[in-house]
C-alpha atoms as a PDB file:
ATOM      1  CA  MET A   1    -154.448 -78.708 -50.707  1.00  0.00           C
ATOM      2  CA  ALA A   2    -150.995 -79.296 -49.390  1.00  0.00           C
ATOM      3  CA  ILE A   3    -148.485 -77.476 -48.000  1.00  0.00           C
ATOM      4  CA  LEU A   4    -145.113 -78.157 -50.033  1.00  0.00           C
ATOM      5  CA  LYS A   5    -141.860 -77.995 -49.077  1.00  0.00           C
ATOM      6  CA  ILE A   6    -139.558 -75.541 -49.913  1.00  0.00           C
ATOM      7  CA  ALA A   7    -136.587 -75.179 -51.425  1.00  0.00           C
ATOM      8  CA  ARG A   8    -133.354 -73.539 -50.140  1.00  0.00           C
ATOM      9  CA  MET A   9    -130.484 -71.644 -51.428  1.00  0.00           C
ATOM     10  CA  GLY A  10    -128.277 -74.125 -53.123  1.00  0.00           C
ATOM     11  CA  HIS A  11    -130.648 -76.644 -54.382  1.00  0.00           C
ATOM     12  CA  PRO A  12    -130.697 -76.421 -57.901  1.00  0.00           C
ATOM     13  CA  VAL A  13    -134.059 -76.032 -59.056  1.00  0.00           C
ATOM     14  CA  LEU A  14    -133.418 -72.384 -57.872  1.00  0.00           C
ATOM     15  CA  GLY A  15    -130.603 -71.763 -59.954  1.00  0.00           C
ATOM     16  CA  ARG A  16    -132.213 -72.427 -63.610  1.00  0.00           C
ATOM     17  CA  ARG A  17    -134.912 -70.493 -65.726  1.00  0.00           C
ATOM     18  CA  ALA A  18    -138.380 -71.936 -65.317  1.00  0.00           C
ATOM     19  CA  ASP A  19    -140.251 -73.254 -67.993  1.00  0.00           C
ATOM     20  CA  PRO A  20    -143.457 -71.607 -69.401  1.00  0.00           C
ATOM     21  CA  VAL A  21    -146.461 -73.076 -68.642  1.00  0.00           C
ATOM     22  CA  ALA A  22    -148.593 -74.254 -71.956  1.00  0.00           C
ATOM     23  CA  ASP A  23    -152.006 -74.125 -70.257  1.00  0.00           C
ATOM     24  CA  PRO A  24    -152.786 -71.770 -67.396  1.00  0.00           C
ATOM     25  CA  ARG A  25    -156.342 -73.668 -66.759  1.00  0.00           C
ATOM     26  CA  ALA A  26    -155.039 -77.136 -66.454  1.00  0.00           C
ATOM     27  CA  PRO A  27    -155.961 -78.573 -63.710  1.00  0.00           C
ATOM     28  CA  GLU A  28    -152.500 -79.640 -62.130  1.00  0.00           C
ATOM     29  CA  ILE A  29    -151.521 -75.696 -62.430  1.00  0.00           C
ATOM     30  CA  LYS A  30    -154.848 -75.336 -60.561  1.00  0.00           C
ATOM     31  CA  ARG A  31    -153.532 -77.771 -57.769  1.00  0.00           C
ATOM     32  CA  LEU A  32    -149.907 -76.102 -57.977  1.00  0.00           C
ATOM     33  CA  VAL A  33    -151.451 -72.558 -57.326  1.00  0.00           C
ATOM     34  CA  ALA A  34    -153.658 -73.776 -54.409  1.00  0.00           C
ATOM     35  CA  ASP A  35    -150.851 -75.348 -52.685  1.00  0.00           C
ATOM     36  CA  MET A  36    -148.222 -72.538 -53.058  1.00  0.00           C
ATOM     37  CA  ILE A  37    -151.184 -70.075 -51.850  1.00  0.00           C
ATOM     38  CA  GLU A  38    -151.391 -72.410 -48.618  1.00  0.00           C
ATOM     39  CA  THR A  39    -147.526 -72.861 -48.197  1.00  0.00           C
ATOM     40  CA  MET A  40    -146.755 -69.202 -48.392  1.00  0.00           C
ATOM     41  CA  GLN A  41    -149.393 -68.168 -46.149  1.00  0.00           C
ATOM     42  CA  ASP A  42    -148.513 -71.213 -43.763  1.00  0.00           C
ATOM     43  CA  ALA A  43    -144.889 -69.665 -44.043  1.00  0.00           C
ATOM     44  CA  ASN A  44    -146.092 -66.244 -43.361  1.00  0.00           C
ATOM     45  CA  GLY A  45    -144.477 -64.724 -46.832  1.00  0.00           C
ATOM     46  CA  ALA A  46    -145.350 -62.136 -49.019  1.00  0.00           C
ATOM     47  CA  GLY A  47    -144.639 -64.539 -52.005  1.00  0.00           C
ATOM     48  CA  LEU A  48    -143.882 -67.305 -53.327  1.00  0.00           C
ATOM     49  CA  ALA A  49    -142.560 -68.555 -56.763  1.00  0.00           C
ATOM     50  CA  ALA A  50    -143.088 -72.424 -58.071  1.00  0.00           C
ATOM     51  CA  PRO A  51    -139.344 -72.916 -58.148  1.00  0.00           C
ATOM     52  CA  GLN A  52    -139.390 -72.411 -54.618  1.00  0.00           C
ATOM     53  CA  VAL A  53    -141.608 -75.346 -54.341  1.00  0.00           C
ATOM     54  CA  HIS A  54    -139.338 -77.495 -56.318  1.00  0.00           C
ATOM     55  CA  VAL A  55    -141.631 -76.881 -59.805  1.00  0.00           C
ATOM     56  CA  PRO A  56    -139.642 -75.416 -62.403  1.00  0.00           C
ATOM     57  CA  LEU A  57    -142.650 -73.472 -64.151  1.00  0.00           C
ATOM     58  CA  ARG A  58    -143.040 -69.616 -64.706  1.00  0.00           C
ATOM     59  CA  VAL A  59    -145.792 -69.268 -61.815  1.00  0.00           C
ATOM     60  CA  VAL A  60    -145.911 -66.820 -58.690  1.00  0.00           C
ATOM     61  CA  VAL A  61    -148.256 -66.300 -56.157  1.00  0.00           C
ATOM     62  CA  PHE A  62    -148.122 -62.922 -54.107  1.00  0.00           C
ATOM     63  CA  GLN A  63    -149.400 -60.494 -51.673  1.00  0.00           C
ATOM     64  CA  ALA A  64    -148.837 -56.620 -50.889  1.00  0.00           C
ATOM     65  CA  PRO A  65    -150.860 -55.944 -47.521  1.00  0.00           C
ATOM     66  CA  PRO A  66    -150.645 -52.567 -46.380  1.00  0.00           C
ATOM     67  CA  ASP A  67    -148.743 -53.563 -42.832  1.00  0.00           C
ATOM     68  CA  ARG A  68    -145.780 -53.855 -45.684  1.00  0.00           C
ATOM     69  CA  GLY A  69    -143.478 -51.422 -46.488  1.00  0.00           C
ATOM     70  CA  GLU A  70    -143.387 -47.420 -46.361  1.00  0.00           C
ATOM     71  CA  PRO A  71    -145.435 -46.081 -49.172  1.00  0.00           C
ATOM     72  CA  GLU A  72    -143.559 -43.125 -50.925  1.00  0.00           C
ATOM     73  CA  GLU A  73    -146.042 -41.176 -52.242  1.00  0.00           C
ATOM     74  CA  GLU A  74    -149.629 -40.568 -50.968  1.00  0.00           C
ATOM     75  CA  SER A  75    -151.348 -41.134 -54.648  1.00  0.00           C
ATOM     76  CA  PHE A  76    -150.249 -44.582 -55.641  1.00  0.00           C
ATOM     77  CA  ASP A  77    -151.656 -47.574 -53.829  1.00  0.00           C
ATOM     78  CA  HIS A  78    -148.544 -49.587 -52.713  1.00  0.00           C
ATOM     79  CA  THR A  79    -150.663 -52.957 -51.883  1.00  0.00           C
ATOM     80  CA  ALA A  80    -151.862 -55.567 -53.995  1.00  0.00           C
ATOM     81  CA  PRO A  81    -154.512 -58.412 -53.201  1.00  0.00           C
ATOM     82  CA  LEU A  82    -153.797 -61.899 -53.120  1.00  0.00           C
ATOM     83  CA  THR A  83    -152.333 -62.487 -57.185  1.00  0.00           C
ATOM     84  CA  VAL A  84    -151.648 -65.485 -59.376  1.00  0.00           C
ATOM     85  CA  LEU A  85    -149.333 -64.630 -62.138  1.00  0.00           C
ATOM     86  CA  ILE A  86    -148.641 -67.242 -64.821  1.00  0.00           C
ATOM     87  CA  ASN A  87    -145.854 -66.720 -67.697  1.00  0.00           C
ATOM     88  CA  PRO A  88    -145.340 -62.943 -66.354  1.00  0.00           C
ATOM     89  CA  ALA A  89    -143.152 -60.434 -67.907  1.00  0.00           C
ATOM     90  CA  ILE A  90    -141.973 -56.810 -66.125  1.00  0.00           C
ATOM     91  CA  GLU A  91    -142.006 -53.657 -67.957  1.00  0.00           C
ATOM     92  CA  VAL A  92    -139.627 -51.207 -66.070  1.00  0.00           C
ATOM     93  CA  LEU A  93    -141.790 -47.612 -66.242  1.00  0.00           C
ATOM     94  CA  ASP A  94    -139.125 -45.707 -64.760  1.00  0.00           C
ATOM     95  CA  LYS A  95    -135.072 -46.040 -64.055  1.00  0.00           C
ATOM     96  CA  GLU A  96    -135.151 -44.674 -60.688  1.00  0.00           C
ATOM     97  CA  THR A  97    -134.477 -47.480 -57.886  1.00  0.00           C
ATOM     98  CA  ASP A  98    -135.420 -47.845 -54.228  1.00  0.00           C
ATOM     99  CA  GLY A  99    -133.592 -49.857 -51.712  1.00  0.00           C
ATOM    100  CA  GLY A 100    -134.835 -52.027 -49.026  1.00  0.00           C
ATOM    101  CA  TRP A 101    -134.442 -55.333 -47.133  1.00  0.00           C
ATOM    102  CA  GLU A 102    -135.312 -58.257 -48.251  1.00  0.00           C
ATOM    103  CA  GLY A 103    -136.102 -61.760 -47.002  1.00  0.00           C
ATOM    104  CA  CYS A 104    -136.772 -64.760 -48.660  1.00  0.00           C
ATOM    105  CA  LEU A 105    -138.175 -68.536 -47.879  1.00  0.00           C
ATOM    106  CA  SER A 106    -135.827 -70.137 -49.570  1.00  0.00           C
ATOM    107  CA  VAL A 107    -132.853 -67.971 -47.677  1.00  0.00           C
ATOM    108  CA  PRO A 108    -134.281 -68.569 -44.054  1.00  0.00           C
ATOM    109  CA  GLY A 109    -133.108 -66.592 -41.424  1.00  0.00           C
ATOM    110  CA  LEU A 110    -130.771 -63.663 -43.455  1.00  0.00           C
ATOM    111  CA  ARG A 111    -132.421 -60.261 -44.521  1.00  0.00           C
ATOM    112  CA  GLY A 112    -130.298 -58.049 -47.551  1.00  0.00           C
ATOM    113  CA  TRP A 113    -130.475 -54.428 -48.865  1.00  0.00           C
ATOM    114  CA  VAL A 114    -131.605 -54.743 -52.335  1.00  0.00           C
ATOM    115  CA  GLU A 115    -132.056 -51.776 -54.937  1.00  0.00           C
ATOM    116  CA  ARG A 116    -134.659 -52.554 -57.154  1.00  0.00           C
ATOM    117  CA  THR A 117    -136.435 -50.377 -59.781  1.00  0.00           C
ATOM    118  CA  ALA A 118    -139.486 -48.191 -58.273  1.00  0.00           C
ATOM    119  CA  HIS A 119    -142.079 -48.340 -60.758  1.00  0.00           C
ATOM    120  CA  ILE A 120    -143.074 -51.381 -63.147  1.00  0.00           C
ATOM    121  CA  ARG A 121    -145.914 -52.754 -65.116  1.00  0.00           C
ATOM    122  CA  TYR A 122    -146.178 -56.224 -64.944  1.00  0.00           C
ATOM    123  CA  ALA A 123    -148.848 -58.943 -66.805  1.00  0.00           C
ATOM    124  CA  GLY A 124    -149.522 -62.339 -66.815  1.00  0.00           C
ATOM    125  CA  TYR A 125    -152.587 -64.602 -66.758  1.00  0.00           C
ATOM    126  CA  ASP A 126    -154.370 -66.185 -63.803  1.00  0.00           C
ATOM    127  CA  THR A 127    -155.841 -69.770 -63.671  1.00  0.00           C
ATOM    128  CA  GLU A 128    -158.882 -68.965 -65.498  1.00  0.00           C
ATOM    129  CA  GLY A 129    -156.525 -67.736 -68.370  1.00  0.00           C
ATOM    130  CA  ARG A 130    -157.649 -64.095 -68.168  1.00  0.00           C
ATOM    131  CA  ARG A 131    -154.727 -61.369 -68.720  1.00  0.00           C
ATOM    132  CA  VAL A 132    -154.091 -59.742 -65.546  1.00  0.00           C
ATOM    133  CA  VAL A 133    -151.968 -56.300 -66.237  1.00  0.00           C
ATOM    134  CA  ARG A 134    -151.009 -53.934 -63.101  1.00  0.00           C
ATOM    135  CA  GLU A 135    -149.007 -51.286 -62.538  1.00  0.00           C
ATOM    136  CA  ALA A 136    -147.020 -51.390 -59.142  1.00  0.00           C
ATOM    137  CA  LYS A 137    -144.368 -49.019 -57.025  1.00  0.00           C
ATOM    138  CA  GLY A 138    -143.329 -49.619 -53.247  1.00  0.00           C
ATOM    139  CA  PHE A 139    -143.385 -53.073 -51.830  1.00  0.00           C
ATOM    140  CA  HIS A 140    -146.022 -53.998 -54.378  1.00  0.00           C
ATOM    141  CA  ALA A 141    -143.046 -53.706 -57.113  1.00  0.00           C
ATOM    142  CA  ARG A 142    -140.392 -55.028 -54.872  1.00  0.00           C
ATOM    143  CA  VAL A 143    -142.246 -58.245 -53.928  1.00  0.00           C
ATOM    144  CA  VAL A 144    -142.986 -58.837 -58.000  1.00  0.00           C
ATOM    145  CA  GLN A 145    -139.470 -58.492 -58.978  1.00  0.00           C
ATOM    146  CA  HIS A 146    -138.420 -60.508 -56.252  1.00  0.00           C
ATOM    147  CA  GLU A 147    -140.803 -63.584 -56.775  1.00  0.00           C
ATOM    148  CA  CYS A 148    -140.123 -63.128 -60.954  1.00  0.00           C
ATOM    149  CA  ASP A 149    -136.365 -63.326 -60.110  1.00  0.00           C
ATOM    150  CA  HIS A 150    -137.079 -66.905 -59.258  1.00  0.00           C
ATOM    151  CA  LEU A 151    -138.324 -67.804 -62.233  1.00  0.00           C
ATOM    152  CA  GLU A 152    -134.819 -66.475 -63.527  1.00  0.00           C
ATOM    153  CA  GLY A 153    -133.151 -68.639 -61.340  1.00  0.00           C
ATOM    154  CA  ILE A 154    -131.967 -65.350 -58.888  1.00  0.00           C
ATOM    155  CA  LEU A 155    -132.174 -65.012 -55.558  1.00  0.00           C
ATOM    156  CA  TYR A 156    -132.242 -61.757 -53.910  1.00  0.00           C
ATOM    157  CA  PRO A 157    -127.743 -61.811 -52.889  1.00  0.00           C
ATOM    158  CA  ALA A 158    -127.331 -61.991 -56.207  1.00  0.00           C
ATOM    159  CA  ARG A 159    -129.046 -58.424 -56.399  1.00  0.00           C
ATOM    160  CA  MET A 160    -126.967 -56.838 -53.489  1.00  0.00           C
ATOM    161  CA  LYS A 161    -124.510 -54.365 -54.415  1.00  0.00           C
ATOM    162  CA  ASP A 162    -123.007 -54.169 -50.610  1.00  0.00           C
ATOM    163  CA  MET A 163    -122.553 -57.854 -49.111  1.00  0.00           C
ATOM    164  CA  GLY A 164    -122.291 -55.999 -45.638  1.00  0.00           C
ATOM    165  CA  LYS A 165    -125.808 -55.494 -45.736  1.00  0.00           C
ATOM    166  CA  LEU A 166    -126.580 -59.096 -45.244  1.00  0.00           C
ATOM    167  CA  VAL A 167    -127.984 -59.646 -41.905  1.00  0.00           C
ATOM    168  CA  PHE A 168    -128.970 -62.700 -40.118  1.00  0.00           C
ATOM    169  CA  GLU A 169    -132.849 -61.885 -38.856  1.00  0.00           C
ATOM    170  CA  SER A 170    -131.792 -62.329 -35.025  1.00  0.00           C
ATOM    171  CA  GLU A 171    -129.378 -59.367 -35.483  1.00  0.00           C
ATOM    172  CA  PHE A 172    -131.570 -57.341 -37.714  1.00  0.00           C
ATOM    173  CA  SER A 173    -133.311 -55.286 -35.236  1.00  0.00           C
ATOM    174  CA  HIS A 174    -129.719 -54.834 -33.624  1.00  0.00           C
ATOM    175  CA  TRP A 175    -128.062 -53.987 -37.190  1.00  0.00           C
ATOM    176  CA  LEU A 176    -131.011 -51.055 -38.056  1.00  0.00           C
ATOM    177  CA  SER A 177    -130.672 -49.879 -34.539  1.00  0.00           C
ATOM    178  CA  LYS A 178    -126.646 -49.019 -34.942  1.00  0.00           C
ATOM    179  CA  LYS A 179    -126.833 -48.267 -38.934  1.00  0.00           C
ATOM    180  CA  GLY A 180    -130.234 -46.985 -39.999  1.00  0.00           C
ATOM    181  CA  GLY A 181    -132.050 -47.907 -42.897  1.00  0.00           C
ATOM    182  CA  ASP A 182    -135.418 -48.659 -44.480  1.00  0.00           C
ATOM    183  CA  ASP A 183    -137.342 -51.883 -43.337  1.00  0.00           C
ATOM    184  CA  SER A 184    -139.499 -52.860 -46.209  1.00  0.00           C
END
């Protein structure tokens, strides 16, 4: 396994639609996924998409640990284990949106307030070719949508409605104390 270089905002690989993976079980895809997981964990990220490591393929890895985000309702689990999704698709289950602060390994040093669909179902394949289908809410839904946006060539600042809520991480706690807001 290897830690891969992360592409930063402005690199052409981040601005294009990623290509589908022909065979999720292919050895090169398994190697890519292993390297992506190691890279994500080394960078302390919640997710990583293949275009972020200069590979224009429809592959994402993510996790939604219990210490991230705030659950909106007690009856729904907002966490997700380490997950691999190859050729993912997202279905909106409720048009209600939820705002939250997002950061990105490809946009280092910044955070922005982004409104996202609050309840989704996603599907894709793992590296054994098994179908993965789950429902998600809260931080879980946010991280899936964020990573899948990378596969469409979209970075979170393009989803922001108010660029006045794009802040440097070094000013983030100060900004929160002055203006309030949710830190998911």
